[in-house]
Structures are given as C-alpha cells and as structure tokens.
Protein backbone atom coordinates (compact mmCIF):
# COMPACT_ATOMS: atom_id res chain seq x y z
CA MET A 1 -1.17 8.79 21.16
CA LYS A 2 -3.84 6.07 20.84
CA GLU A 3 -5.22 6.12 17.31
CA ILE A 4 -7.10 3.04 16.14
CA HIS A 5 -7.74 5.03 12.99
CA LEU A 6 -4.36 6.67 12.45
CA LYS A 7 -4.45 10.02 10.66
CA ALA A 8 -1.85 12.57 9.66
CA PRO A 9 -1.01 15.52 11.94
CA ARG A 10 -2.29 17.80 9.17
CA GLY A 11 -3.06 17.92 5.47
CA TRP A 12 -4.10 15.20 3.05
CA ILE A 13 -3.61 11.48 3.67
CA ASN A 14 -4.23 8.54 1.36
CA ASP A 15 -2.51 5.19 0.65
CA PRO A 16 -0.63 3.41 3.45
CA ASN A 17 2.98 2.79 2.38
CA GLY A 18 6.02 0.88 3.66
CA PHE A 19 4.06 -1.02 6.34
CA ILE A 20 6.66 -3.15 8.15
CA TYR A 21 7.59 -4.61 11.55
CA TYR A 22 11.22 -3.57 11.90
CA ASN A 23 13.56 -3.56 14.91
CA GLY A 24 10.73 -4.15 17.36
CA GLU A 25 8.40 -1.46 16.01
CA TYR A 26 5.67 -1.15 13.42
CA HIS A 27 6.48 1.51 10.85
CA LEU A 28 3.60 2.90 8.82
CA PHE A 29 4.37 5.42 6.10
CA TYR A 30 1.62 7.07 4.10
CA GLN A 31 0.85 9.35 1.20
CA ASN A 32 0.68 12.87 2.57
CA PHE A 33 0.30 16.39 1.23
CA PRO A 34 1.21 18.18 4.46
CA TYR A 35 0.33 21.73 3.42
CA ALA A 36 -3.44 21.55 2.98
CA PRO A 37 -6.33 19.04 3.28
CA ARG A 38 -6.36 18.44 -0.47
CA TRP A 39 -4.51 16.27 -2.97
CA GLY A 40 -1.11 17.60 -4.11
CA ARG A 41 2.55 16.69 -4.58
CA MET A 42 2.93 13.58 -2.49
CA HIS A 43 5.32 13.12 0.44
CA TRP A 44 5.64 10.12 2.76
CA GLY A 45 4.39 10.74 6.28
CA HIS A 46 5.72 8.40 8.96
CA ALA A 47 4.45 6.96 12.25
CA VAL A 48 5.74 4.18 14.53
CA SER A 49 4.09 1.98 17.14
CA SER A 50 4.97 -0.93 19.40
CA ASP A 51 1.42 -2.30 19.51
CA LEU A 52 -0.52 -1.00 16.47
CA MET A 53 -2.55 1.24 18.78
CA ASN A 54 -0.25 3.85 20.27
CA TRP A 55 1.35 5.76 17.41
CA LYS A 56 4.12 8.31 17.45
CA HIS A 57 4.26 10.72 14.53
CA LEU A 58 7.71 11.34 13.04
CA ASP A 59 9.06 13.84 10.53
CA ILE A 60 8.24 13.53 6.83
CA ALA A 61 10.26 10.56 5.55
CA LEU A 62 10.26 11.14 1.77
CA PHE A 63 9.80 14.30 -0.25
CA PRO A 64 10.47 15.27 -3.90
CA THR A 65 14.13 15.96 -4.70
CA LYS A 66 15.02 14.14 -7.96
CA THR A 67 14.01 14.46 -11.58
CA ASP A 68 12.07 11.21 -11.40
CA ASP A 69 10.16 12.15 -8.24
CA MET A 70 10.10 15.94 -8.57
CA ASP A 71 6.30 15.97 -8.58
CA GLY A 72 5.64 13.35 -5.95
CA CYS A 73 6.84 10.35 -3.98
CA PHE A 74 3.92 8.04 -4.68
CA SER A 75 3.03 4.71 -3.09
CA GLY A 76 5.40 1.84 -2.35
CA SER A 77 6.53 -0.67 0.22
CA ALA A 78 9.32 -1.65 2.62
CA ILE A 79 11.54 -4.66 3.26
CA GLU A 80 14.47 -5.42 5.55
CA LYS A 81 17.81 -6.47 4.05
CA ASP A 82 21.07 -6.91 5.98
CA GLY A 83 19.60 -5.04 8.94
CA ALA A 84 18.63 -1.94 6.95
CA MET A 85 15.16 -0.81 5.89
CA HIS A 86 14.71 -0.50 2.13
CA LEU A 87 11.85 1.40 0.49
CA LEU A 88 10.65 1.03 -3.10
CA TYR A 89 8.24 3.67 -4.33
CA THR A 90 6.86 5.34 -7.43
CA GLY A 91 8.30 8.72 -8.37
CA VAL A 92 6.27 11.04 -10.59
CA ARG A 93 7.29 13.83 -12.97
CA TYR A 94 4.57 16.01 -14.50
CA ASP A 95 4.70 16.36 -18.26
CA VAL A 96 2.20 19.23 -18.16
CA PRO A 97 1.91 20.98 -14.76
CA ASP A 98 -1.26 22.91 -14.03
CA PRO A 99 -0.22 26.59 -14.23
CA GLU A 100 -2.92 27.49 -11.70
CA ASN A 101 -1.83 24.82 -9.21
CA THR A 102 1.57 23.32 -9.92
CA ASN A 103 0.93 20.62 -7.31
CA CYS A 104 -1.23 18.95 -9.98
CA CYS A 105 -0.87 18.16 -13.68
CA LEU A 106 -3.17 18.68 -16.63
CA ASP A 107 -4.90 15.95 -18.63
CA ASP A 108 -3.36 13.14 -16.58
CA LYS A 109 -0.02 13.76 -18.30
CA PHE A 110 2.86 12.56 -16.14
CA THR A 111 5.69 10.00 -16.21
CA ALA A 112 6.26 7.37 -13.53
CA ALA A 113 9.43 5.54 -12.46
CA GLN A 114 10.26 3.23 -9.54
CA LEU A 115 12.85 4.43 -7.02
CA HIS A 116 14.80 2.94 -4.10
CA ILE A 117 16.01 4.48 -0.85
CA SER A 118 17.32 2.82 2.32
CA SER A 119 17.85 3.67 5.97
CA ALA A 120 20.19 2.10 8.52
CA ASP A 121 17.71 2.68 11.36
CA GLY A 122 14.29 3.12 9.71
CA TYR A 123 14.12 6.71 10.94
CA SER A 124 16.53 8.72 8.78
CA PHE A 125 16.28 8.89 4.99
CA ASP A 126 18.66 10.95 2.84
CA ASN A 127 16.36 12.36 0.20
CA PHE A 128 19.16 14.25 -1.52
CA VAL A 129 21.79 11.58 -2.19
CA GLY A 130 20.11 8.33 -1.12
CA LYS A 131 17.63 7.84 -3.96
CA THR A 132 18.20 5.63 -7.02
CA THR A 133 15.86 5.06 -9.97
CA VAL A 134 15.78 1.27 -10.21
CA ILE A 135 12.98 0.72 -12.75
CA PRO A 136 12.88 3.55 -15.31
CA PRO A 137 9.70 4.70 -17.04
CA ILE A 138 8.21 1.99 -19.22
CA THR A 139 8.61 2.60 -22.94
CA ASP A 140 7.25 -0.70 -24.27
CA THR A 141 3.48 -0.39 -24.45
CA LYS A 142 3.21 -4.18 -24.72
CA ILE A 143 4.44 -4.39 -21.12
CA GLY A 144 2.73 -1.43 -19.47
CA ASP A 145 2.14 2.31 -19.42
CA LYS A 146 4.65 5.12 -18.82
CA ASN A 147 2.05 7.07 -16.83
CA HIS A 148 0.03 4.48 -15.00
CA THR A 149 2.61 2.08 -13.60
CA ARG A 150 2.90 2.44 -9.85
CA ASP A 151 2.79 1.16 -6.28
CA PRO A 152 5.57 -1.49 -6.07
CA LYS A 153 5.04 -4.15 -3.39
CA VAL A 154 8.25 -6.04 -2.58
CA TRP A 155 8.89 -9.41 -0.92
CA ARG A 156 11.66 -11.99 -0.69
CA GLY A 157 11.06 -15.18 -2.62
CA ASN A 158 11.72 -18.77 -1.66
CA ASP A 159 14.77 -18.77 -3.97
CA GLY A 160 16.43 -15.91 -2.05
CA ASN A 161 15.77 -13.32 -4.75
CA TYR A 162 13.58 -10.28 -4.29
CA TYR A 163 10.34 -9.82 -6.19
CA VAL A 164 8.11 -6.84 -6.78
CA VAL A 165 4.61 -6.57 -8.19
CA ILE A 166 3.55 -3.24 -9.71
CA GLY A 167 0.13 -2.10 -10.87
CA SER A 168 -0.19 -1.05 -14.51
CA THR A 169 -2.41 -1.00 -17.58
CA ALA A 170 -2.25 -1.97 -21.27
CA ASP A 171 -4.91 -2.07 -23.96
CA LYS A 172 -7.33 -0.34 -21.53
CA LYS A 173 -7.11 -3.30 -19.17
CA GLY A 174 -5.54 -3.47 -15.73
CA ARG A 175 -2.55 -5.75 -15.16
CA LEU A 176 0.26 -6.66 -12.78
CA LEU A 177 3.95 -6.46 -13.66
CA PHE A 178 6.47 -8.77 -11.96
CA TYR A 179 10.18 -8.01 -11.58
CA ARG A 180 13.05 -9.97 -9.97
CA SER A 181 16.26 -8.74 -8.29
CA ALA A 182 19.16 -10.17 -6.31
CA ASP A 183 19.98 -6.89 -4.54
CA LEU A 184 16.92 -4.58 -4.64
CA ILE A 185 18.78 -2.28 -7.07
CA HIS A 186 19.06 -4.17 -10.37
CA TRP A 187 15.65 -5.38 -11.51
CA ASP A 188 14.66 -7.56 -14.46
CA TYR A 189 11.16 -7.64 -15.88
CA VAL A 190 9.84 -11.22 -15.82
CA ASN A 191 6.14 -11.42 -16.59
CA TYR A 192 2.71 -9.87 -16.31
CA ALA A 193 -0.72 -11.07 -15.24
CA THR A 194 -4.21 -9.83 -16.02
CA ALA A 195 -7.84 -10.90 -15.94
CA ASP A 196 -11.13 -9.77 -17.41
CA GLY A 197 -13.69 -7.70 -15.56
CA PHE A 198 -11.42 -5.68 -13.27
CA GLY A 199 -11.33 -2.26 -14.91
CA TRP A 200 -8.61 -0.35 -16.76
CA MET A 201 -5.95 0.14 -14.04
CA TRP A 202 -4.89 -1.91 -11.00
CA GLU A 203 -3.55 0.16 -8.10
CA CYS A 204 -1.73 -0.91 -4.93
CA PRO A 205 -1.30 -4.65 -5.63
CA ASP A 206 -0.26 -6.88 -2.73
CA TYR A 207 0.57 -10.58 -3.04
CA PHE A 208 1.29 -12.94 -0.12
CA ARG A 209 0.76 -16.46 1.17
CA VAL A 210 -1.37 -17.15 4.22
CA ASP A 211 -2.75 -20.44 5.56
CA GLY A 212 -1.25 -22.27 2.58
CA SER A 213 -3.06 -20.09 0.03
CA ASP A 214 -1.90 -17.42 -2.40
CA VAL A 215 -3.79 -14.16 -1.84
CA LEU A 216 -3.91 -11.13 -4.12
CA ILE A 217 -5.25 -7.77 -2.97
CA PHE A 218 -5.55 -4.85 -5.37
CA SER A 219 -7.63 -1.77 -6.08
CA PRO A 220 -8.99 -1.78 -9.64
CA MET A 221 -10.14 1.46 -11.20
CA GLY A 222 -13.09 1.82 -13.53
CA THR A 223 -15.19 -1.23 -12.66
CA LYS A 224 -18.96 -1.22 -12.49
CA TYR A 225 -18.57 -0.99 -8.71
CA GLY A 226 -16.45 2.14 -8.89
CA ASN A 227 -12.93 2.14 -7.45
CA GLN A 228 -12.97 -0.46 -4.68
CA ALA A 229 -10.42 -2.71 -2.99
CA VAL A 230 -10.85 -6.40 -3.79
CA CYS A 231 -9.14 -9.67 -2.93
CA THR A 232 -9.04 -13.11 -4.49
CA LEU A 233 -7.19 -16.41 -4.28
CA VAL A 234 -4.63 -16.95 -7.03
CA ASP A 235 -2.03 -19.45 -8.20
CA PHE A 236 1.47 -17.98 -8.43
CA ASP A 237 4.59 -19.66 -9.85
CA GLU A 238 7.72 -17.97 -8.56
CA LYS A 239 10.13 -19.15 -11.25
CA SER A 240 8.08 -17.83 -14.17
CA CYS A 241 6.22 -15.14 -12.22
CA SER A 242 3.02 -16.38 -13.81
CA MET A 243 -0.19 -15.77 -11.87
CA LYS A 244 -3.60 -17.26 -12.53
CA ILE A 245 -6.24 -14.83 -11.30
CA SER A 246 -9.75 -16.06 -10.64
CA SER A 247 -12.74 -14.14 -11.94
CA GLU A 248 -14.29 -14.67 -8.50
CA PHE A 249 -13.41 -12.01 -5.96
CA GLN A 250 -14.43 -10.48 -2.64
CA PHE A 251 -14.63 -6.87 -1.63
CA LEU A 252 -12.18 -6.23 1.14
CA ASP A 253 -14.89 -4.19 2.84
CA TYR A 254 -18.47 -3.48 1.84
CA GLY A 255 -18.16 0.18 2.78
CA LEU A 256 -17.48 2.65 -0.01
CA ASP A 257 -14.58 4.39 1.69
CA LEU A 258 -11.85 1.72 2.05
CA TYR A 259 -9.11 1.68 -0.58
CA ALA A 260 -5.45 0.85 -1.27
CA PRO A 261 -4.83 -1.83 1.40
CA GLN A 262 -1.27 -2.87 2.27
CA SER A 263 -0.13 -5.84 4.36
CA THR A 264 2.83 -6.94 6.44
CA THR A 265 3.50 -9.59 9.07
CA ASP A 266 3.28 -8.70 12.75
CA LYS A 267 5.77 -9.76 15.44
CA ASP A 268 4.04 -13.15 15.70
CA GLY A 269 3.98 -13.78 11.96
CA LYS A 270 0.29 -12.97 11.42
CA ARG A 271 -0.52 -11.30 8.11
CA ILE A 272 -2.05 -7.90 8.94
CA VAL A 273 -3.65 -5.34 6.67
CA VAL A 274 -4.40 -1.62 6.88
CA ALA A 275 -6.13 0.56 4.29
CA TRP A 276 -6.97 4.15 3.49
CA LEU A 277 -10.39 5.34 4.65
CA ARG A 278 -11.54 8.04 2.28
CA MET A 279 -13.45 10.97 3.75
CA PRO A 280 -15.94 13.37 2.10
CA GLU A 281 -14.62 16.51 3.80
CA PRO A 282 -11.77 17.64 6.10
CA MET A 283 -11.85 17.33 9.85
CA ASP A 284 -11.48 20.71 11.60
CA ASN A 285 -10.47 22.15 8.20
CA ASN A 286 -6.99 20.76 8.85
CA THR A 287 -6.73 17.11 7.82
CA ILE A 288 -8.60 14.65 5.65
CA GLY A 289 -8.36 10.87 5.44
CA MET A 290 -7.36 8.18 7.93
CA PHE A 291 -6.50 4.48 8.10
CA SER A 292 -8.57 1.45 8.97
CA MET A 293 -7.85 -0.46 12.14
CA PRO A 294 -5.28 -3.24 11.59
CA ARG A 295 -6.91 -6.53 10.58
CA VAL A 296 -5.58 -10.08 10.47
CA CYS A 297 -5.97 -11.87 7.14
CA GLU A 298 -6.90 -15.56 7.25
CA VAL A 299 -8.07 -18.07 4.67
CA LYS A 300 -10.58 -20.71 5.72
CA ASP A 301 -12.39 -23.08 3.37
CA GLY A 302 -11.55 -20.96 0.34
CA HIS A 303 -12.80 -17.72 1.90
CA ILE A 304 -10.61 -14.73 2.85
CA PHE A 305 -11.39 -13.22 6.24
CA PHE A 306 -10.21 -9.94 7.78
CA ARG A 307 -10.63 -9.83 11.54
CA PRO A 308 -9.63 -7.17 14.09
CA HIS A 309 -6.04 -7.61 15.24
CA PRO A 310 -5.84 -9.23 18.73
CA ASN A 311 -4.29 -6.07 20.19
CA ILE A 312 -7.28 -4.05 19.04
CA GLN A 313 -9.85 -6.59 20.10
CA ALA A 314 -8.33 -7.08 23.55
CA LYS A 315 -8.34 -3.35 24.23
CA PHE A 316 -11.97 -2.86 23.32
CA THR A 317 -13.58 -5.86 25.00
CA ARG A 318 -13.95 -6.91 28.60
CA LYS A 319 -15.43 -9.84 30.47
CA THR A 320 -18.88 -9.41 31.98
CA THR A 321 -21.28 -11.45 34.07
CA SER A 322 -24.30 -9.53 32.86
CA PRO A 323 -25.47 -8.25 29.49
CA ASN A 324 -25.87 -4.85 31.16
CA GLY A 325 -22.08 -4.70 31.56
CA ILE A 326 -21.18 -5.35 27.95
CA TYR A 327 -18.99 -2.73 26.30
CA MET A 328 -17.75 -3.33 22.80
CA ALA A 329 -16.41 -0.84 20.31
CA PHE A 330 -17.05 -3.19 17.42
CA PRO A 331 -18.29 -6.79 16.89
CA ARG A 332 -16.01 -9.67 17.69
CA ALA A 333 -14.25 -11.44 14.82
CA ASN A 334 -16.80 -10.81 12.11
CA SER A 335 -15.97 -11.30 8.46
CA LEU A 336 -15.69 -7.99 6.65
CA THR A 337 -16.19 -9.56 3.26
C-alpha cells in the first residue's frame, strides 16, 4: 500500500523506532497503542518496504512481557550484527498506575530501563524469552534520572565497538548519556554531554556523520519554543565519548507537528530521516498520528538540509514542455530548516 505518510492500521502512533535497511528491505517500527486512538501502554508496530513508498504492515513486533517493560516498550533503535537484527529499546514500569486507566501512571512516576531483543530474520521476535535488560534503571542522580532516561540510538563505532546515546536529564537540564559495548549486551557508561538553553529533557537523540560533519538530532522538552525537534553540528570524540554541542541550532521543520526524528542509511548509503507527525484529532475515529515522508540529510557550508528522498521525488514529479502540464505534490529539493 502506497503511504508517503505511513500510519498505523489502527490506534495511536508516535515515535518512529528501529528504522533500518536490512536484508534488502526497509524496516520501520513505531510506538503504537493498538487498542484506541489515544496514548497508552506502548507496543512496537512494524512495517516493511522495498522503496520507502509501498509499505506492508506486519504484526506487532514488541509488547510488554517483562518486569522492566510491563507498562510499555518505549522508543529505541535497530542495528545488524552477524546477520541478525538487534533492537535496543526503553522498557517502562509504572510506580503508581492510574486506577482509572491502568494504561497510564500518576504524577509521572515510573521507572525506565534499556532492553535488548534480537531476530534472525527481522520479522519474528520472541517477547517471552528473548528480552534482556542490558542497562538497568539509573540510580546515580549525577549521571541521569531513573524515570526520564530513554530512547537509545545505537551505532557501530570506528573501533569496532558498539555505542549508544540515550536521552536523559539531571539538575533540571537535558543531557545525553553515552555507553559502549563489544557485544550489544554488556554496556559500560562512558560519558555525558549537555548544553544550555535546550530545556529539561532530551528525547530521541540521534548522532551520525554525514558529508564529513557530525550531526546531532534530538527533541528537547520544555524550551521556549515548546517541544520541537532540532538539529545541530557537533564535535564528537569516540574514545572519550565527549561531545561539544553548539548553542546554535536549526529546527528540523518549522511546522509545529514534527517530533522524534530517527535516521538510518538507505541502500545507497544516504542518511535518511523520518519523524512523527502529531495530529490534533483521530482520523475516522480509528487512528491518530503518522510519519513524515523520508528525507535525505545533507550538510553543505555548515548548514543541515533535509530534502525529499529521490524515490519520493521521482514518483511525484514528471517532465513537461509547458507550465500548464506541471504536476508536483511538493516543491523540489527545498530546505526544510
């Protein structure tokens, strides 16, 4: 089914998760409460595509089964290792469930941990015996917060180790936590990074290199702009996991509804990004939320650009010999920042 703006078959949808090109297909997981078009205990929905346009919806990939994710499988990411697909995600356990709606908690009281699960084919995930808590809830408040530490984004470093960046908070200021692992199971905390002026909590961080530059995308909460996705150029040292974050930033999109972007590389090595498009009310009283069209991230002359992916642009443009024959679904290659 052609869906430039992919949405769930039903229910609530928010952050894109586990975005990866794996075994010749794009896999896009997402936060999903499949029972109603409202926020609740999170599952991971799952869709696959060969071209980023025609998507096939699959069964729910992740759902709560363990003590550390009994109240939700929150956001995370995917990576390939030894031919298998590995997912890292945040599991949530409510400290004080809402007695009137146990899909939610009271007073923001919950505990977060980071979990791992893998799949030999990217389609089947054993939610009952396949999950492992790999980063337990944080107890040292000098590092981060036991509640608000979430959304691990994993990548393989130049040294062959695996790295993950996780959003967190300390002293009422958003920060990033960096961990290192040789096997995706045993993780060591290495360092943190923060900067002034970006609110109290940093959600859905994503770090990558493109066009010779280090790019950081994250979604800070509690800024004077509200909760918006931003990006900025940074300097990252892999050995020490130290990151210098500029006070200068760009909005990923000037609309008010784009949040929680996540990136991967496409089959040609381009860095592509999708994000959650928030919606004010459900569609057909059945589903709410969708994703942005895939965009290619580029850095030119110190500026970060996000342009429609070539597959999208080619499908919605055609040659013409007259202005009367022009048909375009959106402008060509415009900066969205």
